[in-house]
Amino acid sequence: MDLQKYITIESDKRGGKPCVRGLRITVYDVLEYLASGMTEEEIIHDFPELTKTDIRACLAFAAERERKLITIPA
């Protein structure tokens, strides 16, 4: 999946946080909705501008960030 097609970062939008396709919906927002138990269908119902692919792109973006996270042993 080409995440740059779905996840955008603009300094003048939502404080430069990663957003979905230039919308004002952040990756964090989508992840919070999923973590709270909302289904993809419920999220799309509340935000009809989103698609299932957008939601999956948010998950892939978060996974990629986690993979790149460097842990320094104590």
PDB file of N, CA and C in Angstrom:
ATOM      1  N   MET A   1       0.851  -1.179   0.000  1.00  0.00           N
ATOM      2  CA  MET A   1       0.000   0.000   0.000  1.00  0.00           C
ATOM      3  C   MET A   1       0.896   1.241   0.000  1.00  0.00           C
ATOM      4  N   ASP A   2       0.615   2.158  -0.885  1.00  0.00           N
ATOM      5  CA  ASP A   2       1.347   3.423  -0.953  1.00  0.00           C
ATOM      6  C   ASP A   2       0.722   4.380   0.065  1.00  0.00           C
ATOM      7  N   LEU A   3       1.307   4.429   1.255  1.00  0.00           N
ATOM      8  CA  LEU A   3       0.720   5.224   2.342  1.00  0.00           C
ATOM      9  C   LEU A   3       0.674   6.710   2.025  1.00  0.00           C
ATOM     10  N   GLN A   4       1.594   7.211   1.215  1.00  0.00           N
ATOM     11  CA  GLN A   4       1.597   8.626   0.872  1.00  0.00           C
ATOM     12  C   GLN A   4       0.338   9.024   0.095  1.00  0.00           C
ATOM     13  N   LYS A   5      -0.293   8.061  -0.507  1.00  0.00           N
ATOM     14  CA  LYS A   5      -1.538   8.314  -1.236  1.00  0.00           C
ATOM     15  C   LYS A   5      -2.704   8.554  -0.261  1.00  0.00           C
ATOM     16  N   TYR A   6      -2.597   7.983   0.948  1.00  0.00           N
ATOM     17  CA  TYR A   6      -3.691   8.035   1.914  1.00  0.00           C
ATOM     18  C   TYR A   6      -3.407   8.888   3.150  1.00  0.00           C
ATOM     19  N   ILE A   7      -2.149   8.975   3.538  1.00  0.00           N
ATOM     20  CA  ILE A   7      -1.789   9.699   4.750  1.00  0.00           C
ATOM     21  C   ILE A   7      -0.961  10.916   4.359  1.00  0.00           C
ATOM     22  N   THR A   8      -1.425  12.102   4.759  1.00  0.00           N
ATOM     23  CA  THR A   8      -0.737  13.336   4.416  1.00  0.00           C
ATOM     24  C   THR A   8      -0.350  14.074   5.694  1.00  0.00           C
ATOM     25  N   ILE A   9       0.735  14.808   5.597  1.00  0.00           N
ATOM     26  CA  ILE A   9       1.190  15.633   6.714  1.00  0.00           C
ATOM     27  C   ILE A   9       1.390  17.043   6.178  1.00  0.00           C
ATOM     28  N   GLU A  10       0.571  17.964   6.687  1.00  0.00           N
ATOM     29  CA  GLU A  10       0.643  19.357   6.274  1.00  0.00           C
ATOM     30  C   GLU A  10       0.812  20.205   7.525  1.00  0.00           C
ATOM     31  N   SER A  11       1.829  21.053   7.534  1.00  0.00           N
ATOM     32  CA  SER A  11       2.144  21.825   8.738  1.00  0.00           C
ATOM     33  C   SER A  11       1.002  22.746   9.167  1.00  0.00           C
ATOM     34  N   ASP A  12       0.178  23.168   8.231  1.00  0.00           N
ATOM     35  CA  ASP A  12      -0.911  24.097   8.568  1.00  0.00           C
ATOM     36  C   ASP A  12      -2.247  23.389   8.856  1.00  0.00           C
ATOM     37  N   LYS A  13      -2.228  22.072   8.920  1.00  0.00           N
ATOM     38  CA  LYS A  13      -3.453  21.319   9.172  1.00  0.00           C
ATOM     39  C   LYS A  13      -3.257  20.425  10.378  1.00  0.00           C
ATOM     40  N   ARG A  14      -4.110  20.615  11.392  1.00  0.00           N
ATOM     41  CA  ARG A  14      -4.089  19.810  12.620  1.00  0.00           C
ATOM     42  C   ARG A  14      -2.692  19.751  13.244  1.00  0.00           C
ATOM     43  N   GLY A  15      -1.980  20.866  13.181  1.00  0.00           N
ATOM     44  CA  GLY A  15      -0.668  20.963  13.815  1.00  0.00           C
ATOM     45  C   GLY A  15       0.386  20.071  13.194  1.00  0.00           C
ATOM     46  N   GLY A  16       0.214  19.702  11.946  1.00  0.00           N
ATOM     47  CA  GLY A  16       1.194  18.867  11.259  1.00  0.00           C
ATOM     48  C   GLY A  16       1.069  17.383  11.569  1.00  0.00           C
ATOM     49  N   LYS A  17      -0.036  16.999  12.218  1.00  0.00           N
ATOM     50  CA  LYS A  17      -0.247  15.579  12.517  1.00  0.00           C
ATOM     51  C   LYS A  17      -0.643  14.841  11.237  1.00  0.00           C
ATOM     52  N   PRO A  18      -0.320  13.561  11.151  1.00  0.00           N
ATOM     53  CA  PRO A  18      -0.706  12.778   9.977  1.00  0.00           C
ATOM     54  C   PRO A  18      -2.234  12.711   9.852  1.00  0.00           C
ATOM     55  N   CYS A  19      -2.729  13.071   8.679  1.00  0.00           N
ATOM     56  CA  CYS A  19      -4.169  13.090   8.420  1.00  0.00           C
ATOM     57  C   CYS A  19      -4.504  12.165   7.246  1.00  0.00           C
ATOM     58  N   VAL A  20      -5.760  11.863   7.130  1.00  0.00           N
ATOM     59  CA  VAL A  20      -6.246  11.012   6.047  1.00  0.00           C
ATOM     60  C   VAL A  20      -6.541  11.880   4.831  1.00  0.00           C
ATOM     61  N   ARG A  21      -5.822  11.625   3.751  1.00  0.00           N
ATOM     62  CA  ARG A  21      -6.036  12.268   2.439  1.00  0.00           C
ATOM     63  C   ARG A  21      -6.269  13.778   2.505  1.00  0.00           C
ATOM     64  N   GLY A  22      -5.550  14.474   3.369  1.00  0.00           N
ATOM     65  CA  GLY A  22      -5.673  15.924   3.435  1.00  0.00           C
ATOM     66  C   GLY A  22      -6.910  16.405   4.175  1.00  0.00           C
ATOM     67  N   LEU A  23      -7.705  15.469   4.675  1.00  0.00           N
ATOM     68  CA  LEU A  23      -8.871  15.843   5.473  1.00  0.00           C
ATOM     69  C   LEU A  23      -8.389  16.274   6.851  1.00  0.00           C
ATOM     70  N   ARG A  24      -9.288  16.742   7.683  1.00  0.00           N
ATOM     71  CA  ARG A  24      -8.920  17.140   9.040  1.00  0.00           C
ATOM     72  C   ARG A  24      -9.109  15.989  10.033  1.00  0.00           C
ATOM     73  N   ILE A  25      -9.137  14.776   9.532  1.00  0.00           N
ATOM     74  CA  ILE A  25      -9.260  13.580  10.363  1.00  0.00           C
ATOM     75  C   ILE A  25      -7.867  12.979  10.485  1.00  0.00           C
ATOM     76  N   THR A  26      -7.352  12.908  11.721  1.00  0.00           N
ATOM     77  CA  THR A  26      -5.998  12.408  11.907  1.00  0.00           C
ATOM     78  C   THR A  26      -5.972  10.885  12.014  1.00  0.00           C
ATOM     79  N   VAL A  27      -4.786  10.345  11.781  1.00  0.00           N
ATOM     80  CA  VAL A  27      -4.570   8.910  11.988  1.00  0.00           C
ATOM     81  C   VAL A  27      -4.918   8.571  13.433  1.00  0.00           C
ATOM     82  N   TYR A  28      -4.498   9.432  14.351  1.00  0.00           N
ATOM     83  CA  TYR A  28      -4.771   9.224  15.777  1.00  0.00           C
ATOM     84  C   TYR A  28      -6.273   9.123  16.030  1.00  0.00           C
ATOM     85  N   ASP A  29      -7.057  10.003  15.403  1.00  0.00           N
ATOM     86  CA  ASP A  29      -8.519   9.960  15.571  1.00  0.00           C
ATOM     87  C   ASP A  29      -9.057   8.587  15.194  1.00  0.00           C
ATOM     88  N   VAL A  30      -8.657   8.110  14.026  1.00  0.00           N
ATOM     89  CA  VAL A  30      -9.151   6.824  13.534  1.00  0.00           C
ATOM     90  C   VAL A  30      -8.731   5.693  14.470  1.00  0.00           C
ATOM     91  N   LEU A  31      -7.478   5.716  14.911  1.00  0.00           N
ATOM     92  CA  LEU A  31      -7.004   4.680  15.826  1.00  0.00           C
ATOM     93  C   LEU A  31      -7.763   4.713  17.146  1.00  0.00           C
ATOM     94  N   GLU A  32      -8.056   5.903  17.652  1.00  0.00           N
ATOM     95  CA  GLU A  32      -8.838   6.033  18.884  1.00  0.00           C
ATOM     96  C   GLU A  32     -10.239   5.453  18.712  1.00  0.00           C
ATOM     97  N   TYR A  33     -10.865   5.722  17.573  1.00  0.00           N
ATOM     98  CA  TYR A  33     -12.209   5.179  17.322  1.00  0.00           C
ATOM     99  C   TYR A  33     -12.166   3.654  17.310  1.00  0.00           C
ATOM    100  N   LEU A  34     -11.174   3.092  16.640  1.00  0.00           N
ATOM    101  CA  LEU A  34     -11.043   1.634  16.595  1.00  0.00           C
ATOM    102  C   LEU A  34     -10.765   1.072  17.986  1.00  0.00           C
ATOM    103  N   ALA A  35      -9.887   1.729  18.729  1.00  0.00           N
ATOM    104  CA  ALA A  35      -9.538   1.266  20.073  1.00  0.00           C
ATOM    105  C   ALA A  35     -10.722   1.334  21.027  1.00  0.00           C
ATOM    106  N   SER A  36     -11.638   2.270  20.784  1.00  0.00           N
ATOM    107  CA  SER A  36     -12.808   2.395  21.649  1.00  0.00           C
ATOM    108  C   SER A  36     -13.874   1.351  21.332  1.00  0.00           C
ATOM    109  N   GLY A  37     -13.645   0.581  20.256  1.00  0.00           N
ATOM    110  CA  GLY A  37     -14.576  -0.484  19.907  1.00  0.00           C
ATOM    111  C   GLY A  37     -15.455  -0.200  18.701  1.00  0.00           C
ATOM    112  N   MET A  38     -15.294   0.964  18.081  1.00  0.00           N
ATOM    113  CA  MET A  38     -16.086   1.257  16.890  1.00  0.00           C
ATOM    114  C   MET A  38     -15.658   0.338  15.750  1.00  0.00           C
ATOM    115  N   THR A  39     -16.607  -0.074  14.954  1.00  0.00           N
ATOM    116  CA  THR A  39     -16.300  -0.872  13.774  1.00  0.00           C
ATOM    117  C   THR A  39     -15.971   0.062  12.609  1.00  0.00           C
ATOM    118  N   GLU A  40     -15.383  -0.502  11.555  1.00  0.00           N
ATOM    119  CA  GLU A  40     -15.124   0.294  10.356  1.00  0.00           C
ATOM    120  C   GLU A  40     -16.420   0.910   9.839  1.00  0.00           C
ATOM    121  N   GLU A  41     -17.479   0.136   9.862  1.00  0.00           N
ATOM    122  CA  GLU A  41     -18.766   0.612   9.359  1.00  0.00           C
ATOM    123  C   GLU A  41     -19.283   1.791  10.182  1.00  0.00           C
ATOM    124  N   GLU A  42     -19.120   1.735  11.499  1.00  0.00           N
ATOM    125  CA  GLU A  42     -19.567   2.836  12.364  1.00  0.00           C
ATOM    126  C   GLU A  42     -18.751   4.103  12.101  1.00  0.00           C
ATOM    127  N   ILE A  43     -17.464   3.935  11.916  1.00  0.00           N
ATOM    128  CA  ILE A  43     -16.609   5.092  11.632  1.00  0.00           C
ATOM    129  C   ILE A  43     -17.016   5.723  10.308  1.00  0.00           C
ATOM    130  N   ILE A  44     -17.214   4.898   9.301  1.00  0.00           N
ATOM    131  CA  ILE A  44     -17.611   5.408   7.981  1.00  0.00           C
ATOM    132  C   ILE A  44     -18.992   6.050   8.037  1.00  0.00           C
ATOM    133  N   HIS A  45     -19.878   5.520   8.852  1.00  0.00           N
ATOM    134  CA  HIS A  45     -21.205   6.127   9.023  1.00  0.00           C
ATOM    135  C   HIS A  45     -21.071   7.529   9.606  1.00  0.00           C
ATOM    136  N   ASP A  46     -20.190   7.684  10.613  1.00  0.00           N
ATOM    137  CA  ASP A  46     -19.983   8.984  11.245  1.00  0.00           C
ATOM    138  C   ASP A  46     -19.160   9.933  10.379  1.00  0.00           C
ATOM    139  N   PHE A  47     -18.282   9.372   9.564  1.00  0.00           N
ATOM    140  CA  PHE A  47     -17.399  10.170   8.699  1.00  0.00           C
ATOM    141  C   PHE A  47     -17.454   9.590   7.287  1.00  0.00           C
ATOM    142  N   PRO A  48     -18.522   9.893   6.535  1.00  0.00           N
ATOM    143  CA  PRO A  48     -18.732   9.267   5.222  1.00  0.00           C
ATOM    144  C   PRO A  48     -17.646   9.585   4.192  1.00  0.00           C
ATOM    145  N   GLU A  49     -16.808  10.571   4.465  1.00  0.00           N
ATOM    146  CA  GLU A  49     -15.710  10.869   3.535  1.00  0.00           C
ATOM    147  C   GLU A  49     -14.582   9.843   3.641  1.00  0.00           C
ATOM    148  N   LEU A  50     -14.604   9.017   4.697  1.00  0.00           N
ATOM    149  CA  LEU A  50     -13.598   7.971   4.865  1.00  0.00           C
ATOM    150  C   LEU A  50     -14.026   6.691   4.155  1.00  0.00           C
ATOM    151  N   THR A  51     -13.031   5.893   3.794  1.00  0.00           N
ATOM    152  CA  THR A  51     -13.283   4.584   3.184  1.00  0.00           C
ATOM    153  C   THR A  51     -12.603   3.513   4.037  1.00  0.00           C
ATOM    154  N   LYS A  52     -12.939   2.267   3.775  1.00  0.00           N
ATOM    155  CA  LYS A  52     -12.277   1.166   4.474  1.00  0.00           C
ATOM    156  C   LYS A  52     -10.786   1.178   4.176  1.00  0.00           C
ATOM    157  N   THR A  53     -10.413   1.551   2.981  1.00  0.00           N
ATOM    158  CA  THR A  53      -8.993   1.626   2.625  1.00  0.00           C
ATOM    159  C   THR A  53      -8.293   2.701   3.443  1.00  0.00           C
ATOM    160  N   ASP A  54      -8.966   3.827   3.689  1.00  0.00           N
ATOM    161  CA  ASP A  54      -8.390   4.880   4.533  1.00  0.00           C
ATOM    162  C   ASP A  54      -8.111   4.352   5.934  1.00  0.00           C
ATOM    163  N   ILE A  55      -9.057   3.597   6.476  1.00  0.00           N
ATOM    164  CA  ILE A  55      -8.907   3.052   7.828  1.00  0.00           C
ATOM    165  C   ILE A  55      -7.747   2.061   7.860  1.00  0.00           C
ATOM    166  N   ARG A  56      -7.641   1.232   6.856  1.00  0.00           N
ATOM    167  CA  ARG A  56      -6.534   0.273   6.792  1.00  0.00           C
ATOM    168  C   ARG A  56      -5.201   0.993   6.617  1.00  0.00           C
ATOM    169  N   ALA A  57      -5.204   2.098   5.901  1.00  0.00           N
ATOM    170  CA  ALA A  57      -3.988   2.889   5.736  1.00  0.00           C
ATOM    171  C   ALA A  57      -3.545   3.473   7.077  1.00  0.00           C
ATOM    172  N   CYS A  58      -4.499   3.879   7.910  1.00  0.00           N
ATOM    173  CA  CYS A  58      -4.162   4.377   9.247  1.00  0.00           C
ATOM    174  C   CYS A  58      -3.498   3.285  10.075  1.00  0.00           C
ATOM    175  N   LEU A  59      -4.029   2.081   9.995  1.00  0.00           N
ATOM    176  CA  LEU A  59      -3.438   0.956  10.719  1.00  0.00           C
ATOM    177  C   LEU A  59      -2.042   0.644  10.190  1.00  0.00           C
ATOM    178  N   ALA A  60      -1.890   0.656   8.882  1.00  0.00           N
ATOM    179  CA  ALA A  60      -0.582   0.371   8.280  1.00  0.00           C
ATOM    180  C   ALA A  60       0.425   1.451   8.651  1.00  0.00           C
ATOM    181  N   PHE A  61      -0.009   2.700   8.672  1.00  0.00           N
ATOM    182  CA  PHE A  61       0.866   3.813   9.044  1.00  0.00           C
ATOM    183  C   PHE A  61       1.346   3.648  10.485  1.00  0.00           C
ATOM    184  N   ALA A  62       0.425   3.315  11.382  1.00  0.00           N
ATOM    185  CA  ALA A  62       0.783   3.117  12.786  1.00  0.00           C
ATOM    186  C   ALA A  62       1.732   1.929  12.944  1.00  0.00           C
ATOM    187  N   ALA A  63       1.479   0.873  12.216  1.00  0.00           N
ATOM    188  CA  ALA A  63       2.350  -0.307  12.279  1.00  0.00           C
ATOM    189  C   ALA A  63       3.750   0.034  11.784  1.00  0.00           C
ATOM    190  N   GLU A  64       3.831   0.799  10.724  1.00  0.00           N
ATOM    191  CA  GLU A  64       5.130   1.197  10.173  1.00  0.00           C
ATOM    192  C   GLU A  64       5.891   2.069  11.171  1.00  0.00           C
ATOM    193  N   ARG A  65       5.201   2.989  11.810  1.00  0.00           N
ATOM    194  CA  ARG A  65       5.847   3.826  12.828  1.00  0.00           C
ATOM    195  C   ARG A  65       6.344   2.981  13.989  1.00  0.00           C
ATOM    196  N   GLU A  66       5.563   2.033  14.408  1.00  0.00           N
ATOM    197  CA  GLU A  66       5.946   1.157  15.511  1.00  0.00           C
ATOM    198  C   GLU A  66       7.170   0.317  15.127  1.00  0.00           C
ATOM    199  N   ARG A  67       7.189  -0.146  13.887  1.00  0.00           N
ATOM    200  CA  ARG A  67       8.306  -0.944  13.418  1.00  0.00           C
ATOM    201  C   ARG A  67       9.596  -0.139  13.435  1.00  0.00           C
ATOM    202  N   LYS A  68       9.508   1.144  13.136  1.00  0.00           N
ATOM    203  CA  LYS A  68      10.684   2.008  13.086  1.00  0.00           C
ATOM    204  C   LYS A  68      11.104   2.525  14.454  1.00  0.00           C
ATOM    205  N   LEU A  69      10.270   2.352  15.455  1.00  0.00           N
ATOM    206  CA  LEU A  69      10.569   2.834  16.797  1.00  0.00           C
ATOM    207  C   LEU A  69      11.822   2.151  17.335  1.00  0.00           C
ATOM    208  N   ILE A  70      12.724   2.950  17.807  1.00  0.00           N
ATOM    209  CA  ILE A  70      13.978   2.428  18.354  1.00  0.00           C
ATOM    210  C   ILE A  70      13.841   2.346  19.872  1.00  0.00           C
ATOM    211  N   THR A  71      14.156   1.178  20.411  1.00  0.00           N
ATOM    212  CA  THR A  71      14.124   0.981  21.854  1.00  0.00           C
ATOM    213  C   THR A  71      15.558   0.925  22.365  1.00  0.00           C
ATOM    214  N   ILE A  72      15.825   1.738  23.374  1.00  0.00           N
ATOM    215  CA  ILE A  72      17.157   1.745  23.980  1.00  0.00           C
ATOM    216  C   ILE A  72      17.087   0.935  25.271  1.00  0.00           C
ATOM    217  N   PRO A  73      17.872  -0.129  25.362  1.00  0.00           N
ATOM    218  CA  PRO A  73      17.834  -0.957  26.581  1.00  0.00           C
ATOM    219  C   PRO A  73      18.239  -0.145  27.816  1.00  0.00           C
ATOM    220  N   ALA A  74      17.626  -0.458  28.949  1.00  0.00           N
ATOM    221  CA  ALA A  74      17.924   0.278  30.189  1.00  0.00           C
ATOM    222  C   ALA A  74      19.202  -0.216  30.818  1.00  0.00           C
TER     223      ALA A  74
END
